[in-house]
C-alpha atoms as a PDB file:
ATOM      1  CA  MET A   1     -79.743   5.192  87.264  1.00  0.00           C
ATOM      2  CA  ALA A   2     -77.016   2.564  86.158  1.00  0.00           C
ATOM      3  CA  ASP A   3     -73.929   2.921  87.388  1.00  0.00           C
ATOM      4  CA  ILE A   4     -71.308   3.768  84.168  1.00  0.00           C
ATOM      5  CA  ASP A   5     -67.745   4.131  84.978  1.00  0.00           C
ATOM      6  CA  THR A   6     -66.345   7.475  83.395  1.00  0.00           C
ATOM      7  CA  THR A   7     -62.953   6.821  83.917  1.00  0.00           C
ATOM      8  CA  PRO A   8     -60.879   6.932  81.294  1.00  0.00           C
ATOM      9  CA  GLN A   9     -58.802   3.095  80.916  1.00  0.00           C
ATOM     10  CA  LEU A  10     -54.872   3.476  79.860  1.00  0.00           C
ATOM     11  CA  PRO A  11     -54.000   0.758  77.619  1.00  0.00           C
ATOM     12  CA  ALA A  12     -52.334  -1.829  78.919  1.00  0.00           C
ATOM     13  CA  GLU A  13     -48.798  -1.312  78.558  1.00  0.00           C
ATOM     14  CA  PRO A  14     -47.424  -4.011  76.490  1.00  0.00           C
ATOM     15  CA  GLU A  15     -44.725  -7.063  78.136  1.00  0.00           C
ATOM     16  CA  PRO A  16     -41.256  -6.532  77.035  1.00  0.00           C
ATOM     17  CA  LYS A  17     -39.494  -8.584  74.774  1.00  0.00           C
ATOM     18  CA  PRO A  18     -37.034 -10.927  75.508  1.00  0.00           C
ATOM     19  CA  SER A  19     -33.395  -9.343  74.644  1.00  0.00           C
ATOM     20  CA  LEU A  20     -32.005 -11.629  72.123  1.00  0.00           C
ATOM     21  CA  VAL A  21     -28.297  -9.805  72.538  1.00  0.00           C
ATOM     22  CA  LEU A  22     -28.860 -11.525  76.562  1.00  0.00           C
ATOM     23  CA  ASP A  23     -29.631 -14.560  75.160  1.00  0.00           C
ATOM     24  CA  LEU A  24     -26.926 -14.681  72.723  1.00  0.00           C
ATOM     25  CA  VAL A  25     -24.278 -13.906  75.223  1.00  0.00           C
ATOM     26  CA  ALA A  26     -25.410 -16.506  77.933  1.00  0.00           C
ATOM     27  CA  LEU A  27     -25.512 -18.554  75.009  1.00  0.00           C
ATOM     28  CA  VAL A  28     -21.835 -17.860  73.989  1.00  0.00           C
ATOM     29  CA  VAL A  29     -20.803 -17.725  77.828  1.00  0.00           C
ATOM     30  CA  LEU A  30     -21.926 -21.420  78.015  1.00  0.00           C
ATOM     31  CA  LEU A  31     -19.802 -22.370  75.079  1.00  0.00           C
ATOM     32  CA  ALA A  32     -17.041 -21.286  76.516  1.00  0.00           C
ATOM     33  CA  VAL A  33     -17.682 -23.054  79.871  1.00  0.00           C
ATOM     34  CA  CYS A  34     -18.362 -26.180  78.251  1.00  0.00           C
ATOM     35  CA  ALA A  35     -15.146 -25.570  75.576  1.00  0.00           C
ATOM     36  CA  VAL A  36     -13.003 -25.167  78.997  1.00  0.00           C
ATOM     37  CA  LEU A  37     -14.721 -28.147  80.283  1.00  0.00           C
ATOM     38  CA  TYR A  38     -13.807 -30.020  77.448  1.00  0.00           C
ATOM     39  CA  VAL A  39     -10.012 -29.045  77.197  1.00  0.00           C
ATOM     40  CA  ILE A  40     -10.286 -30.817  81.429  1.00  0.00           C
ATOM     41  CA  VAL A  41     -12.101 -34.025  80.882  1.00  0.00           C
ATOM     42  CA  LYS A  42     -11.420 -34.755  77.525  1.00  0.00           C
ATOM     43  CA  ASP A  43     -13.582 -36.987  75.252  1.00  0.00           C
ATOM     44  CA  PRO A  44     -15.195 -39.462  78.220  1.00  0.00           C
ATOM     45  CA  GLY A  45     -17.142 -36.722  79.851  1.00  0.00           C
ATOM     46  CA  PHE A  46     -18.149 -34.939  76.790  1.00  0.00           C
ATOM     47  CA  SER A  47     -21.724 -35.893  75.968  1.00  0.00           C
ATOM     48  CA  ILE A  48     -22.299 -35.244  79.631  1.00  0.00           C
ATOM     49  CA  ILE A  49     -20.926 -31.797  79.337  1.00  0.00           C
ATOM     50  CA  ILE A  50     -22.921 -30.909  76.058  1.00  0.00           C
ATOM     51  CA  GLY A  51     -26.106 -32.183  77.758  1.00  0.00           C
ATOM     52  CA  ALA A  52     -26.021 -30.461  80.637  1.00  0.00           C
ATOM     53  CA  VAL A  53     -25.088 -26.824  79.142  1.00  0.00           C
ATOM     54  CA  GLY A  54     -28.240 -27.544  77.093  1.00  0.00           C
ATOM     55  CA  GLY A  55     -30.657 -28.133  79.289  1.00  0.00           C
ATOM     56  CA  LEU A  56     -28.929 -25.171  81.547  1.00  0.00           C
ATOM     57  CA  PHE A  57     -29.763 -22.543  78.578  1.00  0.00           C
ATOM     58  CA  GLY A  58     -33.194 -24.288  77.573  1.00  0.00           C
ATOM     59  CA  THR A  59     -34.478 -23.772  81.294  1.00  0.00           C
ATOM     60  CA  TRP A  60     -33.027 -19.868  81.794  1.00  0.00           C
ATOM     61  CA  ARG A  61     -34.105 -19.340  78.309  1.00  0.00           C
ATOM     62  CA  LYS A  62     -38.034 -20.918  79.016  1.00  0.00           C
ATOM     63  CA  ARG A  63     -38.198 -18.764  82.377  1.00  0.00           C
ATOM     64  CA  ARG A  64     -37.599 -15.671  80.797  1.00  0.00           C
ATOM     65  CA  GLU A  65     -40.297 -16.439  78.013  1.00  0.00           C
END
């Protein structure tokens, strides 16, 4: 006699998609932090600040995918 599983299988739940609203809020907050730091350090640190904020946002977004 064959061993057949007759238990009904429930469909797998789809993974929730990342919230675009949360991404927008995070980006705006990071840009605000960037603007405040720019006012404090002026031109010399601008590229460093922009690079750091871009890297942080990219890393955060990558982890959520």
